[in-house]
Protein backbone atom coordinates (compact mmCIF):
# COMPACT_ATOMS: atom_id res chain seq x y z
CA MET A 1 16.43 -1.87 -15.90
CA LYS A 2 16.25 -2.71 -19.52
CA LYS A 3 14.88 -0.27 -22.04
CA TYR A 4 13.27 -1.21 -25.38
CA ILE A 5 12.03 0.76 -28.28
CA THR A 6 8.98 -0.73 -29.90
CA LYS A 7 7.27 0.09 -33.04
CA PHE A 8 4.15 -1.23 -34.99
CA PRO A 9 5.08 -1.33 -38.58
CA LYS A 10 1.54 0.41 -39.62
CA ASN A 11 2.15 3.24 -37.08
CA LYS A 12 5.08 5.71 -37.47
CA ASN A 13 5.42 6.49 -33.66
CA SER A 14 7.77 4.45 -31.53
CA ASN A 15 7.07 3.36 -27.98
CA ASP A 16 9.55 3.31 -24.81
CA VAL A 17 9.15 0.23 -22.91
CA GLU A 18 11.25 -0.16 -19.87
CA VAL A 19 11.40 -3.21 -17.44
CA ILE A 20 11.89 -1.79 -14.10
CA ASP A 21 12.06 -5.08 -12.18
CA ASN A 22 10.73 -8.58 -12.13
CA ASN A 23 7.17 -7.31 -11.74
CA ARG A 24 7.07 -3.87 -13.05
CA PHE A 25 7.47 -2.04 -16.40
CA SER A 26 6.71 1.39 -17.82
CA PHE A 27 5.13 1.93 -21.30
CA ASN A 28 5.62 5.54 -22.61
CA GLY A 29 6.13 6.74 -18.97
CA LYS A 30 3.25 5.04 -17.45
CA GLU A 31 4.13 2.32 -14.79
CA TYR A 32 2.48 -1.06 -14.78
CA GLU A 33 2.71 -4.13 -12.54
CA TYR A 34 2.83 -7.66 -14.31
CA GLU A 35 3.19 -11.20 -13.78
CA HIS A 36 3.69 -13.88 -16.54
CA LYS A 37 3.95 -17.62 -16.95
CA PHE A 38 5.16 -19.46 -19.94
CA ILE A 39 2.69 -22.18 -21.07
CA SER A 40 5.20 -23.07 -23.91
CA ASP A 41 7.98 -21.33 -25.85
CA SER A 42 5.70 -19.09 -27.54
CA ILE A 43 2.70 -18.82 -25.32
CA ILE A 44 2.43 -16.75 -22.23
CA VAL A 45 -0.24 -16.08 -19.65
CA LEU A 46 0.23 -12.38 -18.85
CA ARG A 47 -1.37 -10.36 -15.99
CA ILE A 48 -1.01 -6.66 -16.26
CA ASN A 49 -2.53 -4.59 -13.56
CA ASN A 50 -5.03 -7.61 -12.65
CA ASP A 51 -6.07 -7.95 -16.28
CA ASN A 52 -5.25 -11.33 -17.66
CA TYR A 53 -3.96 -11.87 -21.27
CA ILE A 54 -3.13 -15.13 -23.32
CA VAL A 55 -0.18 -14.05 -25.59
CA LYS A 56 1.33 -16.01 -28.56
CA VAL A 57 4.54 -14.56 -29.86
CA ASP A 58 6.41 -15.66 -33.08
CA ASN A 59 9.32 -14.19 -34.86
CA ASP A 60 8.32 -12.28 -37.96
CA THR A 61 10.65 -13.73 -40.55
CA GLU A 62 8.98 -11.72 -43.33
CA ASN A 63 9.97 -8.30 -42.03
CA ASN A 64 13.36 -7.61 -43.73
CA ASN A 65 13.83 -4.22 -42.49
CA TRP A 66 14.98 -5.20 -39.02
CA ASN A 67 17.15 -8.10 -37.69
CA LEU A 68 15.64 -11.54 -37.20
CA GLY A 69 14.75 -11.64 -33.38
CA THR A 70 13.46 -8.27 -33.18
CA ALA A 71 10.25 -8.31 -35.26
CA PHE A 72 7.42 -10.32 -33.95
CA ASN A 73 3.90 -11.44 -34.67
CA ILE A 74 1.84 -11.11 -31.48
CA ASP A 75 -1.63 -12.66 -30.85
CA ILE A 76 -3.23 -11.24 -27.80
CA ASN A 77 -6.46 -12.69 -26.79
CA SER A 78 -7.05 -13.43 -30.51
CA ASP A 79 -6.01 -9.91 -31.73
CA ASN A 80 -3.07 -10.07 -34.04
CA TYR A 81 -0.35 -7.33 -34.10
CA LYS A 82 3.15 -7.06 -35.90
CA ILE A 83 5.64 -5.31 -33.45
CA ILE A 84 9.18 -4.40 -33.81
CA CYS A 85 11.22 -4.46 -30.58
CA LYS A 86 14.89 -3.20 -30.22
CA SER A 87 16.97 -2.67 -26.99
CA GLU A 88 19.10 0.42 -26.86
CA LEU A 89 22.07 -1.74 -27.47
CA ASP A 90 20.53 -2.92 -30.81
CA LEU A 91 20.05 0.65 -31.86
CA LEU A 92 23.63 1.49 -30.93
CA SER A 93 24.94 -1.53 -32.67
CA GLU A 94 23.29 -0.45 -35.90
CA LYS A 95 24.73 3.06 -35.67
CA PHE A 96 28.24 1.77 -35.17
CA SER A 97 27.97 -0.99 -37.72
CA ASN A 98 28.03 1.50 -40.66
CA ASN A 99 24.42 0.90 -41.34
CA LYS A 100 23.31 4.52 -41.84
CA ALA A 101 22.42 4.06 -45.41
CA GLY A 102 19.22 1.88 -45.00
CA GLY A 103 19.67 -1.27 -46.91
CA LYS A 104 23.33 -0.94 -47.48
CA PHE A 105 25.24 -4.06 -46.39
CA LYS A 106 27.25 -3.29 -43.15
CA ASN A 107 30.58 -4.84 -43.45
CA ILE A 108 32.04 -3.68 -40.25
CA ILE A 109 30.74 -4.47 -36.81
CA SER A 110 32.02 -2.11 -34.20
CA SER A 111 31.61 -2.15 -30.48
CA PRO A 112 28.52 -0.10 -29.49
CA MET A 113 30.05 0.68 -26.02
CA PRO A 114 32.95 -0.14 -23.93
CA GLY A 115 33.10 -3.73 -22.52
CA ALA A 116 34.50 -7.16 -22.73
CA ILE A 117 34.11 -9.83 -25.18
CA VAL A 118 32.48 -12.88 -23.35
CA LYS A 119 32.17 -15.28 -26.29
CA MET A 120 33.16 -15.12 -29.89
CA ASN A 121 31.05 -17.34 -32.04
CA VAL A 122 32.59 -16.93 -35.49
CA LYS A 123 35.96 -17.34 -37.25
CA PRO A 124 37.27 -15.94 -40.51
CA GLY A 125 35.82 -17.80 -43.64
CA GLN A 126 32.69 -18.92 -41.67
CA ARG A 127 29.43 -18.51 -43.73
CA ILE A 128 26.74 -16.87 -41.32
CA GLN A 129 23.14 -16.17 -41.75
CA LYS A 130 20.91 -13.36 -40.79
CA GLY A 131 20.37 -13.45 -37.05
CA ASP A 132 23.20 -15.49 -36.04
CA VAL A 133 24.93 -14.29 -32.97
CA LEU A 134 28.47 -13.12 -33.93
CA LEU A 135 29.71 -12.37 -30.50
CA VAL A 136 28.58 -11.70 -26.91
CA LEU A 137 29.59 -8.43 -25.23
CA GLU A 138 29.54 -7.75 -21.66
CA ALA A 139 28.94 -4.11 -20.67
CA MET A 140 27.73 -2.73 -17.47
CA LYS A 141 27.27 -6.17 -16.02
CA MET A 142 24.82 -7.20 -18.84
CA GLU A 143 25.53 -9.69 -21.79
CA ASN A 144 24.52 -8.34 -25.14
CA GLU A 145 24.30 -10.41 -28.27
CA ILE A 146 25.63 -8.78 -31.44
CA LYS A 147 23.89 -10.49 -34.32
CA ALA A 148 24.32 -10.55 -38.09
CA ALA A 149 21.90 -8.33 -40.17
CA LYS A 150 22.29 -10.40 -43.34
CA ASP A 151 23.73 -13.69 -44.71
CA CYS A 152 27.52 -13.17 -45.47
CA VAL A 153 30.97 -14.48 -44.81
CA VAL A 154 33.29 -13.46 -41.96
CA LYS A 155 36.31 -11.80 -43.54
CA GLU A 156 38.37 -11.07 -40.32
CA VAL A 157 38.00 -11.35 -36.59
CA LEU A 158 39.87 -8.49 -34.86
CA VAL A 159 39.28 -9.33 -31.20
CA LYS A 160 39.40 -12.51 -28.99
CA GLU A 161 37.47 -13.77 -26.23
CA LYS A 162 38.14 -12.43 -22.66
CA THR A 163 39.46 -9.07 -23.99
CA SER A 164 38.25 -5.55 -23.35
CA VAL A 165 36.93 -3.34 -26.20
CA GLU A 166 36.35 0.31 -26.49
CA LYS A 167 33.31 2.01 -28.01
CA GLY A 168 33.53 2.16 -31.71
CA GLN A 169 36.35 -0.40 -31.92
CA VAL A 170 36.01 -2.59 -35.06
CA LEU A 171 35.37 -6.09 -33.99
CA ILE A 172 34.61 -8.08 -37.11
CA LYS A 173 34.78 -7.44 -40.76
CA LEU A 174 32.32 -9.12 -42.96
CA ASP A 175 32.46 -9.83 -46.74
CA GLY A 176 29.23 -9.26 -48.83
CA GLU A 177 26.56 -11.65 -49.46
CA SER A 178 27.32 -15.44 -48.94
CA LYS A 179 27.14 -17.50 -52.21
């Protein structure tokens, strides 16, 4: 099961979406059956409880409050919505990345949970952009991408691939805005 927290920017309430298995999900506690077929990278035919929808999904690159890849523009049968979608791991990552002060730059990336580093995508001195995958952390048999929240430079990498990490352990130190 994979749980997500979704929010429509114009609405202050958040919604819980949980993928139960390959054809069932729950939305705010109510269970639905679904089927889907990708027509292209961004267009999906979606059937929910026997109702059909044509869905077009694009990243919302104008939404600066959330990481790239979590804000989307969605067109469902010609109705347009902006939606923000974060997994529980995304929320934990933010919590342990010293991003508690809103727009403050988070210069330390900490492990949101115990696990193993499957892939390290950065090295010291490397310039990275908002949304770049810094590393892949495997926890509870799931691979989770840890992404950069802003453009910056990698100051120090404190872990290596194929090593175990503990919750809260500092993984990467970043250095301000890239120039």
